[in-house]
Amino acid sequence: MKKDIRIEPLHGNVSVNIKITGLIGAGYYLDVFEKNSNNVVFSYSGTNVFDYDDMRVLPNSSDMNLGRVLMLNTTVVSIDDNQDEEKKFTIRLQIIQNGNIVDEAVISDKIKKQHKNFLTLVKLI
């Protein structure tokens, strides 16, 4: 998935939150690239085991984050290989300013006895 998300350049910092819901196991890596470059200026990783630590404030002010690309690479696995029923899940890359969600890139899918990889690209404009 690829999406442009508009931020307000004069409204303080920008935060990102990774929210993964559903009865699945998931791990992710988030990279933030310099404007007009493939140089990574910030990165972090996590899982869907703990929800409280999936939000991060991006470095620098919001105007300095204009034009940067966020790449979320997520791997999802079934947590119960003995069931034949598909499990629904959702991956959300949320962009937050001043405590409010500005927009989000959302992937929804189903999984059964397998693993899947997803790539989400968001450009801050």
C-alpha atoms as a PDB file:
ATOM      1  CA  MET A   1       0.000   0.000   0.000  1.00  0.00           C
ATOM      2  CA  LYS A   2       1.189   3.496  -0.825  1.00  0.00           C
ATOM      3  CA  LYS A   3      -0.426   6.659   0.507  1.00  0.00           C
ATOM      4  CA  ASP A   4       0.276  10.379   0.873  1.00  0.00           C
ATOM      5  CA  ILE A   5      -0.722  11.902   4.215  1.00  0.00           C
ATOM      6  CA  ARG A   6      -0.947  15.650   4.722  1.00  0.00           C
ATOM      7  CA  ILE A   7       0.516  17.099   7.915  1.00  0.00           C
ATOM      8  CA  GLU A   8       0.470  20.679   9.188  1.00  0.00           C
ATOM      9  CA  PRO A   9       4.036  22.034   8.952  1.00  0.00           C
ATOM     10  CA  LEU A  10       3.582  24.563  11.765  1.00  0.00           C
ATOM     11  CA  HIS A  11       1.885  22.335  14.347  1.00  0.00           C
ATOM     12  CA  GLY A  12       4.709  20.901  16.425  1.00  0.00           C
ATOM     13  CA  ASN A  13       5.875  17.315  16.249  1.00  0.00           C
ATOM     14  CA  VAL A  14       4.536  14.345  14.305  1.00  0.00           C
ATOM     15  CA  SER A  15       4.055  10.962  15.957  1.00  0.00           C
ATOM     16  CA  VAL A  16       3.430   7.562  14.418  1.00  0.00           C
ATOM     17  CA  ASN A  17       1.556   4.646  15.959  1.00  0.00           C
ATOM     18  CA  ILE A  18       1.433   1.057  14.750  1.00  0.00           C
ATOM     19  CA  LYS A  19      -1.851  -0.626  15.658  1.00  0.00           C
ATOM     20  CA  ILE A  20      -2.325  -4.306  14.809  1.00  0.00           C
ATOM     21  CA  THR A  21      -5.614  -5.970  15.746  1.00  0.00           C
ATOM     22  CA  GLY A  22      -6.908  -9.522  15.383  1.00  0.00           C
ATOM     23  CA  LEU A  23      -6.060 -12.963  16.749  1.00  0.00           C
ATOM     24  CA  ILE A  24      -2.676 -13.155  15.041  1.00  0.00           C
ATOM     25  CA  GLY A  25       0.998 -12.758  15.855  1.00  0.00           C
ATOM     26  CA  ALA A  26       2.776  -9.846  14.178  1.00  0.00           C
ATOM     27  CA  GLY A  27       6.138  -8.134  14.092  1.00  0.00           C
ATOM     28  CA  TYR A  28       7.119  -4.942  12.295  1.00  0.00           C
ATOM     29  CA  TYR A  29       9.951  -2.631  11.319  1.00  0.00           C
ATOM     30  CA  LEU A  30       9.367   1.058  10.617  1.00  0.00           C
ATOM     31  CA  ASP A  31      11.955   3.126   8.744  1.00  0.00           C
ATOM     32  CA  VAL A  32      11.749   6.879   8.154  1.00  0.00           C
ATOM     33  CA  PHE A  33      13.690   8.137   5.145  1.00  0.00           C
ATOM     34  CA  GLU A  34      15.274  11.516   4.610  1.00  0.00           C
ATOM     35  CA  LYS A  35      13.425  13.735   2.129  1.00  0.00           C
ATOM     36  CA  ASN A  36      14.335  12.835  -1.496  1.00  0.00           C
ATOM     37  CA  SER A  37      16.698  10.113  -0.320  1.00  0.00           C
ATOM     38  CA  ASN A  38      16.945   6.471   0.687  1.00  0.00           C
ATOM     39  CA  ASN A  39      18.940   7.397   3.815  1.00  0.00           C
ATOM     40  CA  VAL A  40      17.191   6.175   6.974  1.00  0.00           C
ATOM     41  CA  VAL A  41      17.012   8.906   9.635  1.00  0.00           C
ATOM     42  CA  PHE A  42      14.915   7.019  12.212  1.00  0.00           C
ATOM     43  CA  SER A  43      13.762   3.449  12.746  1.00  0.00           C
ATOM     44  CA  TYR A  44      12.163   1.201  15.314  1.00  0.00           C
ATOM     45  CA  SER A  45      10.589  -2.231  15.537  1.00  0.00           C
ATOM     46  CA  GLY A  46       8.017  -4.025  17.633  1.00  0.00           C
ATOM     47  CA  THR A  47       5.346  -6.684  17.923  1.00  0.00           C
ATOM     48  CA  ASN A  48       1.637  -6.816  18.648  1.00  0.00           C
ATOM     49  CA  VAL A  49       2.302  -8.402  22.054  1.00  0.00           C
ATOM     50  CA  PHE A  50       2.296  -5.037  23.874  1.00  0.00           C
ATOM     51  CA  ASP A  51       0.182  -2.112  22.615  1.00  0.00           C
ATOM     52  CA  TYR A  52       1.490   0.610  24.919  1.00  0.00           C
ATOM     53  CA  ASP A  53       4.892   1.060  23.265  1.00  0.00           C
ATOM     54  CA  ASP A  54       4.059   1.195  19.548  1.00  0.00           C
ATOM     55  CA  MET A  55       3.913   5.017  19.316  1.00  0.00           C
ATOM     56  CA  ARG A  56       6.966   7.143  18.622  1.00  0.00           C
ATOM     57  CA  VAL A  57       7.557  10.859  18.083  1.00  0.00           C
ATOM     58  CA  LEU A  58       9.442  11.448  14.841  1.00  0.00           C
ATOM     59  CA  PRO A  59      12.680  13.392  15.195  1.00  0.00           C
ATOM     60  CA  ASN A  60      12.632  17.084  14.309  1.00  0.00           C
ATOM     61  CA  SER A  61       9.689  19.427  13.880  1.00  0.00           C
ATOM     62  CA  SER A  62       6.771  18.728  11.550  1.00  0.00           C
ATOM     63  CA  ASP A  63       8.054  21.097   8.850  1.00  0.00           C
ATOM     64  CA  MET A  64      11.324  19.138   8.713  1.00  0.00           C
ATOM     65  CA  ASN A  65       9.343  15.895   8.235  1.00  0.00           C
ATOM     66  CA  LEU A  66       7.567  17.177   5.110  1.00  0.00           C
ATOM     67  CA  GLY A  67       8.532  15.001   2.150  1.00  0.00           C
ATOM     68  CA  ARG A  68       9.824  12.137   4.258  1.00  0.00           C
ATOM     69  CA  VAL A  69       8.703   8.573   3.505  1.00  0.00           C
ATOM     70  CA  LEU A  70       7.729   6.065   6.192  1.00  0.00           C
ATOM     71  CA  MET A  71       8.089   2.390   5.330  1.00  0.00           C
ATOM     72  CA  LEU A  72       6.299  -0.139   7.537  1.00  0.00           C
ATOM     73  CA  ASN A  73       7.271  -3.762   6.915  1.00  0.00           C
ATOM     74  CA  THR A  74       4.955  -6.162   8.779  1.00  0.00           C
ATOM     75  CA  THR A  75       4.972  -9.954   9.064  1.00  0.00           C
ATOM     76  CA  VAL A  76       1.770 -11.629  10.260  1.00  0.00           C
ATOM     77  CA  VAL A  77       1.445 -15.262  11.397  1.00  0.00           C
ATOM     78  CA  SER A  78      -1.412 -17.478  12.442  1.00  0.00           C
ATOM     79  CA  ILE A  79      -1.221 -18.174  16.176  1.00  0.00           C
ATOM     80  CA  ASP A  80      -3.277 -21.371  16.007  1.00  0.00           C
ATOM     81  CA  ASP A  81      -2.261 -23.717  13.198  1.00  0.00           C
ATOM     82  CA  ASN A  82      -4.772 -26.328  14.352  1.00  0.00           C
ATOM     83  CA  GLN A  83      -7.815 -24.326  13.300  1.00  0.00           C
ATOM     84  CA  ASP A  84      -9.094 -24.297   9.742  1.00  0.00           C
ATOM     85  CA  GLU A  85     -10.898 -21.001  10.166  1.00  0.00           C
ATOM     86  CA  GLU A  86      -9.505 -17.773   8.697  1.00  0.00           C
ATOM     87  CA  LYS A  87      -8.635 -15.024  11.162  1.00  0.00           C
ATOM     88  CA  LYS A  88      -9.276 -11.384  10.245  1.00  0.00           C
ATOM     89  CA  PHE A  89      -6.689  -8.750  11.129  1.00  0.00           C
ATOM     90  CA  THR A  90      -5.905  -5.092  10.528  1.00  0.00           C
ATOM     91  CA  ILE A  91      -2.590  -3.215  10.335  1.00  0.00           C
ATOM     92  CA  ARG A  92      -2.785   0.553  10.883  1.00  0.00           C
ATOM     93  CA  LEU A  93       0.013   3.070  10.436  1.00  0.00           C
ATOM     94  CA  GLN A  94      -1.409   6.139  12.168  1.00  0.00           C
ATOM     95  CA  ILE A  95      -0.020   9.662  11.778  1.00  0.00           C
ATOM     96  CA  ILE A  96      -0.679  11.854  14.819  1.00  0.00           C
ATOM     97  CA  GLN A  97      -0.283  15.598  15.437  1.00  0.00           C
ATOM     98  CA  ASN A  98      -1.238  17.458  18.624  1.00  0.00           C
ATOM     99  CA  GLY A  99      -2.704  14.274  20.068  1.00  0.00           C
ATOM    100  CA  ASN A 100      -5.108  13.742  17.141  1.00  0.00           C
ATOM    101  CA  ILE A 101      -4.949  11.140  14.390  1.00  0.00           C
ATOM    102  CA  VAL A 102      -4.431  13.093  11.160  1.00  0.00           C
ATOM    103  CA  ASP A 103      -4.839  10.053   8.893  1.00  0.00           C
ATOM    104  CA  GLU A 104      -3.847   6.416   8.665  1.00  0.00           C
ATOM    105  CA  ALA A 105      -2.816   3.783   6.136  1.00  0.00           C
ATOM    106  CA  VAL A 106      -4.845   0.626   6.734  1.00  0.00           C
ATOM    107  CA  ILE A 107      -4.398  -2.954   5.518  1.00  0.00           C
ATOM    108  CA  SER A 108      -7.104  -5.526   6.327  1.00  0.00           C
ATOM    109  CA  ASP A 109      -6.793  -9.183   5.417  1.00  0.00           C
ATOM    110  CA  LYS A 110      -7.374 -12.755   6.592  1.00  0.00           C
ATOM    111  CA  ILE A 111      -4.911 -15.503   7.460  1.00  0.00           C
ATOM    112  CA  LYS A 112      -5.085 -19.265   7.991  1.00  0.00           C
ATOM    113  CA  LYS A 113      -2.153 -21.583   8.861  1.00  0.00           C
ATOM    114  CA  GLN A 114       0.440 -19.411   7.165  1.00  0.00           C
ATOM    115  CA  HIS A 115       2.395 -16.178   7.348  1.00  0.00           C
ATOM    116  CA  LYS A 116       2.125 -13.057   5.209  1.00  0.00           C
ATOM    117  CA  ASN A 117       4.267  -9.983   4.654  1.00  0.00           C
ATOM    118  CA  PHE A 118       2.937  -6.482   4.023  1.00  0.00           C
ATOM    119  CA  LEU A 119       4.651  -3.253   2.996  1.00  0.00           C
ATOM    120  CA  THR A 120       3.098   0.146   3.724  1.00  0.00           C
ATOM    121  CA  LEU A 121       4.626   3.332   2.321  1.00  0.00           C
ATOM    122  CA  VAL A 122       3.451   6.727   3.558  1.00  0.00           C
ATOM    123  CA  LYS A 123       4.787  10.038   2.295  1.00  0.00           C
ATOM    124  CA  LEU A 124       4.265  13.045   4.565  1.00  0.00           C
ATOM    125  CA  ILE A 125       3.166  15.992   2.451  1.00  0.00           C
END
